[in-house]
């Protein structure tokens, strides 16, 4: 199955790349083809550093266009990481998937990064706790 992995990124340490990487690896181990926004961001040279400026010509619009294109043209389903409720991007991705009639799978405890329950950051975002 072709799965788009959705979840919160902005305002979260390391843009939540570790949580995306963990869940993507688990879904791939189940035999799925996974589009992860973290992997896509890396193609543009982004490494999950909140202080890193976007490369020339790359904007949030660029990245979201890639994400929505995959959902619209390729995905059979989207899998959603914890904390999506506070993410406007994740909510837009879920809305697109629902409009297209795709299955939306909200990932449970087995997909939490480091097996830890999502915690709220000072910015009001929910994310999985990332330890250094």
N, C-alpha and C. Protein backbone atom coordinates (compact mmCIF):
# COMPACT_ATOMS: atom_id res chain seq x y z
N UNK A 1 0.85 -1.18 0.00
CA UNK A 1 0.00 0.00 0.00
C UNK A 1 0.89 1.24 0.00
N UNK A 2 0.47 2.27 -0.73
CA UNK A 2 1.20 3.54 -0.76
C UNK A 2 0.62 4.45 0.32
N UNK A 3 1.48 4.80 1.29
CA UNK A 3 1.04 5.56 2.45
C UNK A 3 1.76 6.90 2.51
N UNK A 4 0.98 7.96 2.72
CA UNK A 4 1.53 9.27 3.02
C UNK A 4 1.55 9.40 4.54
N UNK A 5 2.70 9.79 5.11
CA UNK A 5 2.83 9.94 6.56
C UNK A 5 2.64 11.40 6.94
N UNK A 6 1.63 11.68 7.73
CA UNK A 6 1.27 13.03 8.13
C UNK A 6 1.53 13.24 9.61
N UNK A 7 1.80 14.49 9.98
CA UNK A 7 1.98 14.80 11.39
C UNK A 7 2.53 16.20 11.57
N UNK A 8 2.64 16.64 12.81
CA UNK A 8 3.13 17.98 13.10
C UNK A 8 4.63 18.09 12.86
N UNK A 9 5.06 19.26 12.37
CA UNK A 9 6.48 19.52 12.14
C UNK A 9 6.90 20.89 12.68
N UNK A 10 6.20 21.93 12.27
CA UNK A 10 6.60 23.30 12.61
C UNK A 10 6.60 23.52 14.11
N UNK A 11 7.66 24.18 14.59
CA UNK A 11 7.76 24.52 16.01
C UNK A 11 8.16 23.37 16.90
N UNK A 12 8.43 22.22 16.34
CA UNK A 12 8.81 21.04 17.11
C UNK A 12 10.31 20.80 16.95
N UNK A 13 11.01 20.46 18.03
CA UNK A 13 12.44 20.20 17.90
C UNK A 13 12.74 19.24 16.75
N UNK A 14 13.74 19.61 15.97
CA UNK A 14 14.17 18.81 14.82
C UNK A 14 13.05 18.62 13.81
N UNK A 15 12.08 19.53 13.81
CA UNK A 15 10.90 19.44 12.94
C UNK A 15 10.22 18.08 13.03
N UNK A 16 10.41 17.41 14.15
CA UNK A 16 9.78 16.10 14.40
C UNK A 16 10.32 15.01 13.46
N UNK A 17 11.47 15.26 12.82
CA UNK A 17 12.06 14.27 11.92
C UNK A 17 12.23 12.91 12.59
N UNK A 18 12.73 12.84 13.85
CA UNK A 18 12.90 11.50 14.46
C UNK A 18 11.59 10.71 14.55
N UNK A 19 10.48 11.38 14.85
CA UNK A 19 9.19 10.68 14.93
C UNK A 19 8.76 10.22 13.55
N UNK A 20 8.95 11.06 12.53
CA UNK A 20 8.61 10.66 11.16
C UNK A 20 9.48 9.48 10.73
N UNK A 21 10.78 9.54 11.04
CA UNK A 21 11.68 8.46 10.63
C UNK A 21 11.30 7.14 11.31
N UNK A 22 10.97 7.20 12.58
CA UNK A 22 10.60 6.01 13.34
C UNK A 22 9.34 5.37 12.76
N UNK A 23 8.30 6.19 12.56
CA UNK A 23 7.03 5.65 12.04
C UNK A 23 7.19 5.16 10.61
N UNK A 24 7.94 5.88 9.78
CA UNK A 24 8.15 5.45 8.39
C UNK A 24 8.86 4.10 8.35
N UNK A 25 9.86 3.92 9.20
CA UNK A 25 10.58 2.65 9.23
C UNK A 25 9.65 1.50 9.62
N UNK A 26 8.79 1.73 10.61
CA UNK A 26 7.85 0.69 11.03
C UNK A 26 6.86 0.36 9.92
N UNK A 27 6.35 1.37 9.24
CA UNK A 27 5.40 1.13 8.15
C UNK A 27 6.08 0.42 6.97
N UNK A 28 7.32 0.78 6.68
CA UNK A 28 8.06 0.10 5.61
C UNK A 28 8.33 -1.35 5.97
N UNK A 29 8.60 -1.60 7.24
CA UNK A 29 8.84 -2.98 7.69
C UNK A 29 7.57 -3.83 7.54
N UNK A 30 6.42 -3.19 7.53
CA UNK A 30 5.14 -3.88 7.30
C UNK A 30 4.90 -4.11 5.81
N UNK A 31 5.81 -3.61 4.96
CA UNK A 31 5.71 -3.83 3.53
C UNK A 31 5.09 -2.70 2.73
N UNK A 32 4.89 -1.55 3.35
CA UNK A 32 4.28 -0.42 2.67
C UNK A 32 5.32 0.47 2.01
N UNK A 33 4.91 1.15 0.95
CA UNK A 33 5.69 2.23 0.36
C UNK A 33 5.26 3.50 1.09
N UNK A 34 6.23 4.24 1.64
CA UNK A 34 5.88 5.39 2.48
C UNK A 34 6.50 6.67 1.94
N UNK A 35 5.68 7.70 1.81
CA UNK A 35 6.16 9.05 1.52
C UNK A 35 6.19 9.78 2.85
N UNK A 36 7.39 10.15 3.29
CA UNK A 36 7.55 10.89 4.53
C UNK A 36 7.97 12.32 4.21
N UNK A 37 7.27 13.32 4.74
CA UNK A 37 7.69 14.70 4.52
C UNK A 37 9.12 14.96 5.01
N UNK A 38 9.55 14.27 6.04
CA UNK A 38 10.93 14.45 6.52
C UNK A 38 11.92 14.01 5.44
N UNK A 39 11.67 12.88 4.81
CA UNK A 39 12.54 12.42 3.72
C UNK A 39 12.50 13.41 2.56
N UNK A 40 11.31 13.91 2.24
CA UNK A 40 11.18 14.86 1.14
C UNK A 40 11.93 16.16 1.46
N UNK A 41 11.81 16.63 2.69
CA UNK A 41 12.53 17.86 3.08
C UNK A 41 14.04 17.67 2.94
N UNK A 42 14.53 16.49 3.26
CA UNK A 42 15.96 16.23 3.13
C UNK A 42 16.43 16.33 1.68
N UNK A 43 15.55 15.99 0.74
CA UNK A 43 15.91 16.11 -0.68
C UNK A 43 16.22 17.56 -1.05
N UNK A 44 15.65 18.49 -0.31
CA UNK A 44 15.89 19.91 -0.54
C UNK A 44 17.05 20.44 0.31
N UNK A 45 17.70 19.56 1.05
CA UNK A 45 18.83 19.97 1.88
C UNK A 45 18.45 20.37 3.29
N UNK A 46 17.21 20.22 3.67
CA UNK A 46 16.79 20.53 5.04
C UNK A 46 17.13 19.36 5.95
N UNK A 47 17.63 19.66 7.13
CA UNK A 47 18.11 18.60 8.01
C UNK A 47 17.38 18.56 9.36
N UNK A 48 16.31 19.31 9.48
CA UNK A 48 15.56 19.30 10.73
C UNK A 48 16.08 20.29 11.74
N UNK A 49 16.90 21.24 11.32
CA UNK A 49 17.44 22.27 12.20
C UNK A 49 16.52 23.48 12.14
N UNK A 50 15.90 23.82 13.27
CA UNK A 50 14.93 24.93 13.29
C UNK A 50 15.57 26.26 12.92
N UNK A 51 16.89 26.39 13.09
CA UNK A 51 17.58 27.64 12.77
C UNK A 51 18.08 27.68 11.33
N UNK A 52 17.97 26.58 10.61
CA UNK A 52 18.45 26.53 9.23
C UNK A 52 17.49 27.26 8.31
N UNK A 53 18.00 28.22 7.54
CA UNK A 53 17.11 28.88 6.57
C UNK A 53 16.80 27.93 5.41
N UNK A 54 15.67 28.15 4.78
CA UNK A 54 15.33 27.34 3.61
C UNK A 54 16.32 27.67 2.49
N UNK A 55 16.69 26.66 1.70
CA UNK A 55 17.54 26.92 0.55
C UNK A 55 16.84 27.85 -0.44
N UNK A 56 17.61 28.55 -1.27
CA UNK A 56 16.98 29.44 -2.26
C UNK A 56 15.96 28.69 -3.11
N UNK A 57 14.80 29.31 -3.29
CA UNK A 57 13.76 28.73 -4.13
C UNK A 57 12.86 27.73 -3.42
N UNK A 58 13.17 27.41 -2.17
CA UNK A 58 12.36 26.45 -1.41
C UNK A 58 11.57 27.22 -0.35
N UNK A 59 10.28 26.97 -0.32
CA UNK A 59 9.41 27.61 0.67
C UNK A 59 8.48 26.55 1.25
N UNK A 60 7.73 26.94 2.24
CA UNK A 60 6.71 26.03 2.79
C UNK A 60 5.75 25.63 1.68
N UNK A 61 5.46 26.57 0.78
CA UNK A 61 4.57 26.28 -0.34
C UNK A 61 5.14 25.16 -1.21
N UNK A 62 6.45 25.18 -1.45
CA UNK A 62 7.11 24.13 -2.24
C UNK A 62 6.91 22.77 -1.59
N UNK A 63 7.16 22.72 -0.29
CA UNK A 63 7.09 21.45 0.44
C UNK A 63 5.66 20.93 0.52
N UNK A 64 4.71 21.81 0.84
CA UNK A 64 3.31 21.38 0.94
C UNK A 64 2.78 20.94 -0.43
N UNK A 65 3.24 21.59 -1.50
CA UNK A 65 2.82 21.18 -2.85
C UNK A 65 3.26 19.75 -3.13
N UNK A 66 4.49 19.40 -2.74
CA UNK A 66 4.96 18.03 -2.91
C UNK A 66 4.10 17.05 -2.12
N UNK A 67 3.81 17.43 -0.87
CA UNK A 67 3.01 16.56 0.01
C UNK A 67 1.62 16.31 -0.58
N UNK A 68 0.95 17.39 -0.96
CA UNK A 68 -0.41 17.25 -1.48
C UNK A 68 -0.43 16.55 -2.84
N UNK A 69 0.62 16.75 -3.63
CA UNK A 69 0.69 16.04 -4.91
C UNK A 69 0.76 14.54 -4.68
N UNK A 70 1.56 14.11 -3.70
CA UNK A 70 1.64 12.67 -3.42
C UNK A 70 0.28 12.15 -2.94
N UNK A 71 -0.36 12.88 -2.04
CA UNK A 71 -1.66 12.45 -1.55
C UNK A 71 -2.66 12.34 -2.71
N UNK A 72 -2.69 13.34 -3.56
CA UNK A 72 -3.68 13.38 -4.65
C UNK A 72 -3.40 12.39 -5.76
N UNK A 73 -2.14 12.14 -6.06
CA UNK A 73 -1.82 11.32 -7.22
C UNK A 73 -1.40 9.89 -6.92
N UNK A 74 -0.94 9.63 -5.68
CA UNK A 74 -0.35 8.32 -5.43
C UNK A 74 -0.86 7.57 -4.20
N UNK A 75 -1.19 8.28 -3.14
CA UNK A 75 -1.49 7.63 -1.86
C UNK A 75 -2.77 6.79 -1.91
N UNK A 76 -2.69 5.63 -1.25
CA UNK A 76 -3.86 4.80 -1.01
C UNK A 76 -4.45 5.12 0.37
N UNK A 77 -3.58 5.68 1.23
CA UNK A 77 -3.97 5.92 2.62
C UNK A 77 -3.01 6.94 3.19
N UNK A 78 -3.44 7.66 4.25
CA UNK A 78 -2.48 8.45 5.01
C UNK A 78 -2.47 7.91 6.44
N UNK A 79 -1.28 7.91 7.01
CA UNK A 79 -1.09 7.53 8.41
C UNK A 79 -0.71 8.80 9.15
N UNK A 80 -1.32 9.01 10.33
CA UNK A 80 -1.20 10.28 11.02
C UNK A 80 -0.53 10.10 12.37
N UNK A 81 0.53 10.88 12.59
CA UNK A 81 1.26 10.85 13.85
C UNK A 81 0.50 11.61 14.95
N UNK A 82 0.76 11.29 16.21
CA UNK A 82 0.15 12.03 17.31
C UNK A 82 0.52 13.52 17.23
N UNK A 83 -0.38 14.36 17.69
CA UNK A 83 -0.16 15.80 17.70
C UNK A 83 -0.71 16.50 16.48
N UNK A 84 -1.31 15.76 15.57
CA UNK A 84 -1.84 16.33 14.34
C UNK A 84 -2.88 17.42 14.59
N UNK A 85 -3.56 17.33 15.74
CA UNK A 85 -4.64 18.27 16.04
C UNK A 85 -4.16 19.72 16.09
N UNK A 86 -2.90 19.92 16.40
CA UNK A 86 -2.35 21.27 16.53
C UNK A 86 -1.59 21.70 15.27
N UNK A 87 -1.66 20.92 14.21
CA UNK A 87 -0.90 21.19 12.99
C UNK A 87 -1.83 21.55 11.84
N UNK A 88 -1.72 22.78 11.34
CA UNK A 88 -2.57 23.19 10.22
C UNK A 88 -2.22 22.39 8.97
N UNK A 89 -0.94 22.06 8.79
CA UNK A 89 -0.54 21.26 7.63
C UNK A 89 -1.12 19.86 7.68
N UNK A 90 -1.03 19.21 8.84
CA UNK A 90 -1.58 17.86 8.97
C UNK A 90 -3.09 17.86 8.78
N UNK A 91 -3.76 18.88 9.32
CA UNK A 91 -5.21 18.96 9.15
C UNK A 91 -5.57 19.15 7.66
N UNK A 92 -4.78 19.91 6.94
CA UNK A 92 -5.02 20.08 5.50
C UNK A 92 -4.81 18.77 4.75
N UNK A 93 -3.78 18.02 5.14
CA UNK A 93 -3.51 16.73 4.50
C UNK A 93 -4.64 15.73 4.78
N UNK A 94 -5.13 15.72 6.01
CA UNK A 94 -6.24 14.83 6.37
C UNK A 94 -7.49 15.22 5.58
N UNK A 95 -7.75 16.52 5.48
CA UNK A 95 -8.92 16.98 4.72
C UNK A 95 -8.82 16.57 3.26
N UNK A 96 -7.62 16.70 2.68
CA UNK A 96 -7.45 16.29 1.28
C UNK A 96 -7.71 14.80 1.13
N UNK A 97 -7.16 14.00 2.04
CA UNK A 97 -7.34 12.55 1.97
C UNK A 97 -8.82 12.18 2.11
N UNK A 98 -9.51 12.81 3.05
CA UNK A 98 -10.93 12.51 3.24
C UNK A 98 -11.75 12.91 2.02
N UNK A 99 -11.41 14.04 1.41
CA UNK A 99 -12.11 14.49 0.21
C UNK A 99 -11.94 13.49 -0.93
N UNK A 100 -10.76 12.88 -0.99
CA UNK A 100 -10.47 11.90 -2.04
C UNK A 100 -10.98 10.51 -1.69
N UNK A 101 -11.51 10.33 -0.49
CA UNK A 101 -12.02 9.02 -0.08
C UNK A 101 -10.94 8.05 0.35
N UNK A 102 -9.76 8.58 0.71
CA UNK A 102 -8.67 7.71 1.16
C UNK A 102 -8.88 7.31 2.62
N UNK A 103 -8.34 6.18 2.97
CA UNK A 103 -8.35 5.73 4.36
C UNK A 103 -7.41 6.63 5.16
N UNK A 104 -7.81 7.01 6.36
CA UNK A 104 -6.97 7.79 7.27
C UNK A 104 -6.73 6.93 8.51
N UNK A 105 -5.48 6.62 8.78
CA UNK A 105 -5.10 5.76 9.92
C UNK A 105 -4.37 6.60 10.95
N UNK A 106 -4.95 6.74 12.12
CA UNK A 106 -4.31 7.47 13.20
C UNK A 106 -3.42 6.50 13.96
N UNK A 107 -2.12 6.77 13.93
CA UNK A 107 -1.15 5.83 14.49
C UNK A 107 -1.18 5.84 16.01
N UNK A 108 -1.17 4.66 16.59
CA UNK A 108 -1.22 4.51 18.03
C UNK A 108 0.14 4.34 18.66
N UNK A 109 0.12 3.88 19.89
CA UNK A 109 1.31 3.78 20.73
C UNK A 109 2.48 3.05 20.08
N UNK A 110 2.23 2.04 19.29
CA UNK A 110 3.32 1.27 18.67
C UNK A 110 4.16 2.12 17.73
N UNK A 111 3.62 3.26 17.31
CA UNK A 111 4.34 4.13 16.37
C UNK A 111 4.89 5.38 17.04
N UNK A 112 4.74 5.49 18.34
CA UNK A 112 5.28 6.65 19.04
C UNK A 112 6.79 6.53 19.09
N UNK A 113 7.46 7.60 18.77
CA UNK A 113 8.93 7.64 18.80
C UNK A 113 9.41 7.35 20.22
N UNK A 114 10.31 6.40 20.34
CA UNK A 114 10.86 5.95 21.63
C UNK A 114 9.77 5.42 22.56
N UNK A 115 8.62 5.04 22.01
CA UNK A 115 7.56 4.47 22.82
C UNK A 115 6.96 5.41 23.83
N UNK A 116 7.20 6.72 23.66
CA UNK A 116 6.73 7.69 24.64
C UNK A 116 5.49 8.41 24.16
N UNK A 117 4.61 8.67 25.11
CA UNK A 117 3.38 9.40 24.82
C UNK A 117 3.73 10.83 24.38
N UNK A 118 2.99 11.37 23.41
CA UNK A 118 3.25 12.75 22.99
C UNK A 118 3.10 13.71 24.17
N UNK A 119 3.98 14.70 24.21
CA UNK A 119 3.92 15.72 25.26
C UNK A 119 3.77 17.08 24.62
N UNK A 120 3.22 18.01 25.38
CA UNK A 120 2.99 19.36 24.85
C UNK A 120 4.23 20.21 25.09
N UNK A 121 4.66 20.91 24.04
CA UNK A 121 5.81 21.80 24.16
C UNK A 121 5.35 23.18 24.59
N UNK A 122 6.30 24.05 24.86
CA UNK A 122 5.97 25.42 25.24
C UNK A 122 5.22 26.16 24.14
N UNK A 123 5.43 25.75 22.89
CA UNK A 123 4.78 26.41 21.76
C UNK A 123 3.33 25.96 21.59
N UNK A 124 2.88 25.02 22.42
CA UNK A 124 1.51 24.55 22.31
C UNK A 124 1.34 23.41 21.32
N UNK A 125 2.43 22.94 20.74
CA UNK A 125 2.37 21.83 19.80
C UNK A 125 2.49 20.52 20.59
N UNK A 126 1.86 19.47 20.08
CA UNK A 126 2.05 18.16 20.66
C UNK A 126 3.12 17.46 19.85
N UNK A 127 3.98 16.74 20.52
CA UNK A 127 5.03 16.00 19.81
C UNK A 127 5.50 14.87 20.71
N UNK A 128 6.26 13.98 20.09
CA UNK A 128 6.85 12.92 20.89
C UNK A 128 8.12 13.46 21.52
N UNK A 129 8.37 13.12 22.73
CA UNK A 129 9.53 13.65 23.44
C UNK A 129 10.80 13.14 22.78
N UNK A 130 11.67 14.05 22.46
CA UNK A 130 12.93 13.69 21.81
C UNK A 130 14.04 13.94 22.81
N UNK A 131 14.83 12.93 23.08
CA UNK A 131 15.94 13.07 23.99
C UNK A 131 17.21 13.25 23.19
N UNK A 132 18.15 14.05 23.69
CA UNK A 132 19.40 14.29 22.94
C UNK A 132 20.24 13.05 22.79
